Amino acid sequence: MDPELQKLIRQLQDVKCPPAVMDGVMQRIAREKTPARSMRAPLAWAVSIVCLVGVVAVWQWQARRDARILAAEVAAAHVRADRAVVVQQAQEAFGYIGQALLRAAAHTENALSKEAVPPLRNGFEIVKNKVSKPI
């Protein structure tokens, strides 16, 4: 090593700095050494929260969509069931009406054959007898 450099190193080792200056220097080094707040951690948290909220939103949207589809299917099933009930009731009503019409037709046939036909037949016989016998 260079003799001048060794001499300078010895002189520097002998020189002592006052404690106040050393404290000031240490504080300044500490201030400069503290890292500037990194945006990595808050950014990572923000991205994580946004992803979580997005997943929850998509999950809720799908649940609502599935609920609407299920409600539509249930409503369609009720409509089909209601239509089946209406068809069955209409069949029963038409059957009742048909039976009533058949009973009315049978009653009318009996009434005509027993009440209307004999007087007409008797009247026809009387007219026939009068026409065939000249006066």
C-alpha atoms as a PDB file:
ATOM      1  CA  MET A   1       0.000   0.000   0.000  1.00  0.00           C
ATOM      2  CA  ASP A   2       0.981   3.523  -0.540  1.00  0.00           C
ATOM      3  CA  PRO A   3       2.765   5.035   2.473  1.00  0.00           C
ATOM      4  CA  GLU A   4       0.767   8.256   2.193  1.00  0.00           C
ATOM      5  CA  LEU A   5      -2.488   6.362   2.278  1.00  0.00           C
ATOM      6  CA  GLN A   6      -1.422   4.466   5.377  1.00  0.00           C
ATOM      7  CA  LYS A   7      -0.482   7.724   7.064  1.00  0.00           C
ATOM      8  CA  LEU A   8      -3.880   9.215   6.211  1.00  0.00           C
ATOM      9  CA  ILE A   9      -5.687   6.170   7.597  1.00  0.00           C
ATOM     10  CA  ARG A  10      -3.771   6.455  10.900  1.00  0.00           C
ATOM     11  CA  GLN A  11      -4.615  10.137  11.189  1.00  0.00           C
ATOM     12  CA  LEU A  12      -8.282   9.460  10.536  1.00  0.00           C
ATOM     13  CA  GLN A  13      -8.335   6.744  13.185  1.00  0.00           C
ATOM     14  CA  ASP A  14      -6.956   9.180  15.718  1.00  0.00           C
ATOM     15  CA  VAL A  15      -9.538  11.873  14.977  1.00  0.00           C
ATOM     16  CA  LYS A  16     -12.617  11.652  17.178  1.00  0.00           C
ATOM     17  CA  CYS A  17     -15.980  13.219  16.283  1.00  0.00           C
ATOM     18  CA  PRO A  18     -18.137  14.944  18.958  1.00  0.00           C
ATOM     19  CA  PRO A  19     -21.178  12.899  20.075  1.00  0.00           C
ATOM     20  CA  ALA A  20     -23.719  15.569  18.970  1.00  0.00           C
ATOM     21  CA  VAL A  21     -22.423  15.446  15.408  1.00  0.00           C
ATOM     22  CA  MET A  22     -22.478  11.656  15.459  1.00  0.00           C
ATOM     23  CA  ASP A  23     -26.117  11.667  16.661  1.00  0.00           C
ATOM     24  CA  GLY A  24     -27.117  14.120  13.903  1.00  0.00           C
ATOM     25  CA  VAL A  25     -25.360  12.029  11.290  1.00  0.00           C
ATOM     26  CA  MET A  26     -27.021   8.842  12.578  1.00  0.00           C
ATOM     27  CA  GLN A  27     -30.470  10.485  12.460  1.00  0.00           C
ATOM     28  CA  ARG A  28     -29.866  11.756   8.947  1.00  0.00           C
ATOM     29  CA  ILE A  29     -28.719   8.318   7.802  1.00  0.00           C
ATOM     30  CA  ALA A  30     -31.795   6.748   9.434  1.00  0.00           C
ATOM     31  CA  ARG A  31     -34.116   9.212   7.682  1.00  0.00           C
ATOM     32  CA  GLU A  32     -32.512   8.635   4.321  1.00  0.00           C
ATOM     33  CA  LYS A  33     -32.377   4.919   4.885  1.00  0.00           C
ATOM     34  CA  THR A  34     -36.129   4.510   5.553  1.00  0.00           C
ATOM     35  CA  PRO A  35     -37.539   3.283   2.312  1.00  0.00           C
ATOM     36  CA  ALA A  36     -40.191   5.285   0.591  1.00  0.00           C
ATOM     37  CA  ARG A  37     -43.545   3.663   1.110  1.00  0.00           C
ATOM     38  CA  SER A  38     -43.927   1.029  -1.514  1.00  0.00           C
ATOM     39  CA  MET A  39     -47.197   0.857  -3.410  1.00  0.00           C
ATOM     40  CA  ARG A  40     -46.867  -2.890  -3.892  1.00  0.00           C
ATOM     41  CA  ALA A  41     -48.699  -3.992  -0.747  1.00  0.00           C
ATOM     42  CA  PRO A  42     -51.685  -1.607  -1.047  1.00  0.00           C
ATOM     43  CA  LEU A  43     -51.921  -2.349  -4.759  1.00  0.00           C
ATOM     44  CA  ALA A  44     -51.901  -6.092  -4.082  1.00  0.00           C
ATOM     45  CA  TRP A  45     -54.646  -5.670  -1.460  1.00  0.00           C
ATOM     46  CA  ALA A  46     -56.716  -3.509  -3.809  1.00  0.00           C
ATOM     47  CA  VAL A  47     -56.431  -6.046  -6.636  1.00  0.00           C
ATOM     48  CA  SER A  48     -57.350  -8.871  -4.250  1.00  0.00           C
ATOM     49  CA  ILE A  49     -60.420  -7.010  -2.976  1.00  0.00           C
ATOM     50  CA  VAL A  50     -61.544  -6.130  -6.508  1.00  0.00           C
ATOM     51  CA  CYS A  51     -61.194  -9.782  -7.552  1.00  0.00           C
ATOM     52  CA  LEU A  52     -63.135 -10.944  -4.505  1.00  0.00           C
ATOM     53  CA  VAL A  53     -65.926  -8.422  -5.118  1.00  0.00           C
ATOM     54  CA  GLY A  54     -66.032  -9.454  -8.781  1.00  0.00           C
ATOM     55  CA  VAL A  55     -66.363 -13.130  -7.884  1.00  0.00           C
ATOM     56  CA  VAL A  56     -69.145 -12.376  -5.389  1.00  0.00           C
ATOM     57  CA  ALA A  57     -70.956 -10.191  -7.942  1.00  0.00           C
ATOM     58  CA  VAL A  58     -70.797 -12.893 -10.625  1.00  0.00           C
ATOM     59  CA  TRP A  59     -71.946 -15.498  -8.109  1.00  0.00           C
ATOM     60  CA  GLN A  60     -74.940 -13.351  -7.089  1.00  0.00           C
ATOM     61  CA  TRP A  61     -75.802 -12.630 -10.732  1.00  0.00           C
ATOM     62  CA  GLN A  62     -75.812 -16.349 -11.548  1.00  0.00           C
ATOM     63  CA  ALA A  63     -77.921 -17.114  -8.474  1.00  0.00           C
ATOM     64  CA  ARG A  64     -80.501 -14.492  -9.508  1.00  0.00           C
ATOM     65  CA  ARG A  65     -80.509 -15.805 -13.080  1.00  0.00           C
ATOM     66  CA  ASP A  66     -81.018 -19.373 -11.869  1.00  0.00           C
ATOM     67  CA  ALA A  67     -83.819 -18.219  -9.559  1.00  0.00           C
ATOM     68  CA  ARG A  68     -85.578 -16.457 -12.461  1.00  0.00           C
ATOM     69  CA  ILE A  69     -85.256 -19.552 -14.656  1.00  0.00           C
ATOM     70  CA  LEU A  70     -86.588 -21.764 -11.865  1.00  0.00           C
ATOM     71  CA  ALA A  71     -89.485 -19.366 -11.233  1.00  0.00           C
ATOM     72  CA  ALA A  72     -90.338 -19.397 -14.946  1.00  0.00           C
ATOM     73  CA  GLU A  73     -90.295 -23.201 -14.990  1.00  0.00           C
ATOM     74  CA  VAL A  74     -92.513 -23.358 -11.896  1.00  0.00           C
ATOM     75  CA  ALA A  75     -94.921 -20.843 -13.441  1.00  0.00           C
ATOM     76  CA  ALA A  76     -95.039 -22.883 -16.664  1.00  0.00           C
ATOM     77  CA  ALA A  77     -95.726 -26.044 -14.649  1.00  0.00           C
ATOM     78  CA  HIS A  78     -98.569 -24.266 -12.835  1.00  0.00           C
ATOM     79  CA  VAL A  79    -100.004 -23.110 -16.157  1.00  0.00           C
ATOM     80  CA  ARG A  80     -99.844 -26.667 -17.508  1.00  0.00           C
ATOM     81  CA  ALA A  81    -101.482 -27.981 -14.340  1.00  0.00           C
ATOM     82  CA  ASP A  82    -104.159 -25.288 -14.512  1.00  0.00           C
ATOM     83  CA  ARG A  83    -104.826 -26.131 -18.152  1.00  0.00           C
ATOM     84  CA  ALA A  84    -105.145 -29.815 -17.281  1.00  0.00           C
ATOM     85  CA  VAL A  85    -107.647 -28.956 -14.544  1.00  0.00           C
ATOM     86  CA  VAL A  86    -109.613 -26.735 -16.935  1.00  0.00           C
ATOM     87  CA  VAL A  87    -109.656 -29.491 -19.576  1.00  0.00           C
ATOM     88  CA  GLN A  88    -110.859 -32.035 -17.021  1.00  0.00           C
ATOM     89  CA  GLN A  89    -113.559 -29.688 -15.742  1.00  0.00           C
ATOM     90  CA  ALA A  90    -114.674 -28.925 -19.315  1.00  0.00           C
ATOM     91  CA  GLN A  91    -114.920 -32.645 -20.057  1.00  0.00           C
ATOM     92  CA  GLU A  92    -117.010 -33.178 -16.942  1.00  0.00           C
ATOM     93  CA  ALA A  93    -119.264 -30.229 -17.826  1.00  0.00           C
ATOM     94  CA  PHE A  94    -119.768 -31.442 -21.392  1.00  0.00           C
ATOM     95  CA  GLY A  95    -120.484 -34.943 -20.081  1.00  0.00           C
ATOM     96  CA  TYR A  96    -123.104 -33.539 -17.691  1.00  0.00           C
ATOM     97  CA  ILE A  97    -124.655 -31.426 -20.451  1.00  0.00           C
ATOM     98  CA  GLY A  98    -124.683 -34.436 -22.800  1.00  0.00           C
ATOM     99  CA  GLN A  99    -126.406 -36.592 -20.169  1.00  0.00           C
ATOM    100  CA  ALA A 100    -128.958 -33.830 -19.532  1.00  0.00           C
ATOM    101  CA  LEU A 101    -129.658 -33.545 -23.268  1.00  0.00           C
ATOM    102  CA  LEU A 102    -130.067 -37.323 -23.572  1.00  0.00           C
ATOM    103  CA  ARG A 103    -132.498 -37.377 -20.628  1.00  0.00           C
ATOM    104  CA  ALA A 104    -134.412 -34.442 -22.137  1.00  0.00           C
ATOM    105  CA  ALA A 105    -134.569 -36.165 -25.523  1.00  0.00           C
ATOM    106  CA  ALA A 106    -135.829 -39.389 -23.946  1.00  0.00           C
ATOM    107  CA  HIS A 107    -138.422 -37.456 -21.953  1.00  0.00           C
ATOM    108  CA  THR A 108    -139.485 -35.545 -25.048  1.00  0.00           C
ATOM    109  CA  GLU A 109    -139.760 -38.758 -27.050  1.00  0.00           C
ATOM    110  CA  ASN A 110    -141.896 -40.346 -24.331  1.00  0.00           C
ATOM    111  CA  ALA A 111    -144.027 -37.241 -24.022  1.00  0.00           C
ATOM    112  CA  LEU A 112    -144.605 -37.018 -27.763  1.00  0.00           C
ATOM    113  CA  SER A 113    -145.335 -40.718 -28.229  1.00  0.00           C
ATOM    114  CA  LYS A 114    -147.709 -40.931 -25.258  1.00  0.00           C
ATOM    115  CA  GLU A 115    -149.392 -37.540 -25.273  1.00  0.00           C
ATOM    116  CA  ALA A 116    -149.216 -36.032 -28.744  1.00  0.00           C
ATOM    117  CA  VAL A 117    -149.389 -39.036 -31.060  1.00  0.00           C
ATOM    118  CA  PRO A 118    -152.601 -40.704 -29.767  1.00  0.00           C
ATOM    119  CA  PRO A 119    -154.794 -37.605 -30.215  1.00  0.00           C
ATOM    120  CA  LEU A 120    -153.336 -37.037 -33.668  1.00  0.00           C
ATOM    121  CA  ARG A 121    -153.882 -40.666 -34.587  1.00  0.00           C
ATOM    122  CA  ASN A 122    -157.426 -40.555 -33.278  1.00  0.00           C
ATOM    123  CA  GLY A 123    -158.056 -37.333 -35.161  1.00  0.00           C
ATOM    124  CA  PHE A 124    -156.600 -38.798 -38.302  1.00  0.00           C
ATOM    125  CA  GLU A 125    -158.762 -41.915 -37.942  1.00  0.00           C
ATOM    126  CA  ILE A 126    -161.858 -39.768 -37.447  1.00  0.00           C
ATOM    127  CA  VAL A 127    -161.103 -37.697 -40.512  1.00  0.00           C
ATOM    128  CA  LYS A 128    -160.352 -40.780 -42.540  1.00  0.00           C
ATOM    129  CA  ASN A 129    -163.599 -42.393 -41.526  1.00  0.00           C
ATOM    130  CA  LYS A 130    -165.529 -39.262 -42.409  1.00  0.00           C
ATOM    131  CA  VAL A 131    -163.853 -38.871 -45.740  1.00  0.00           C
ATOM    132  CA  SER A 132    -164.295 -42.460 -46.727  1.00  0.00           C
ATOM    133  CA  LYS A 133    -168.037 -42.373 -45.882  1.00  0.00           C
ATOM    134  CA  PRO A 134    -169.854 -39.911 -47.987  1.00  0.00           C
ATOM    135  CA  ILE A 135    -172.481 -37.917 -46.302  1.00  0.00           C
END
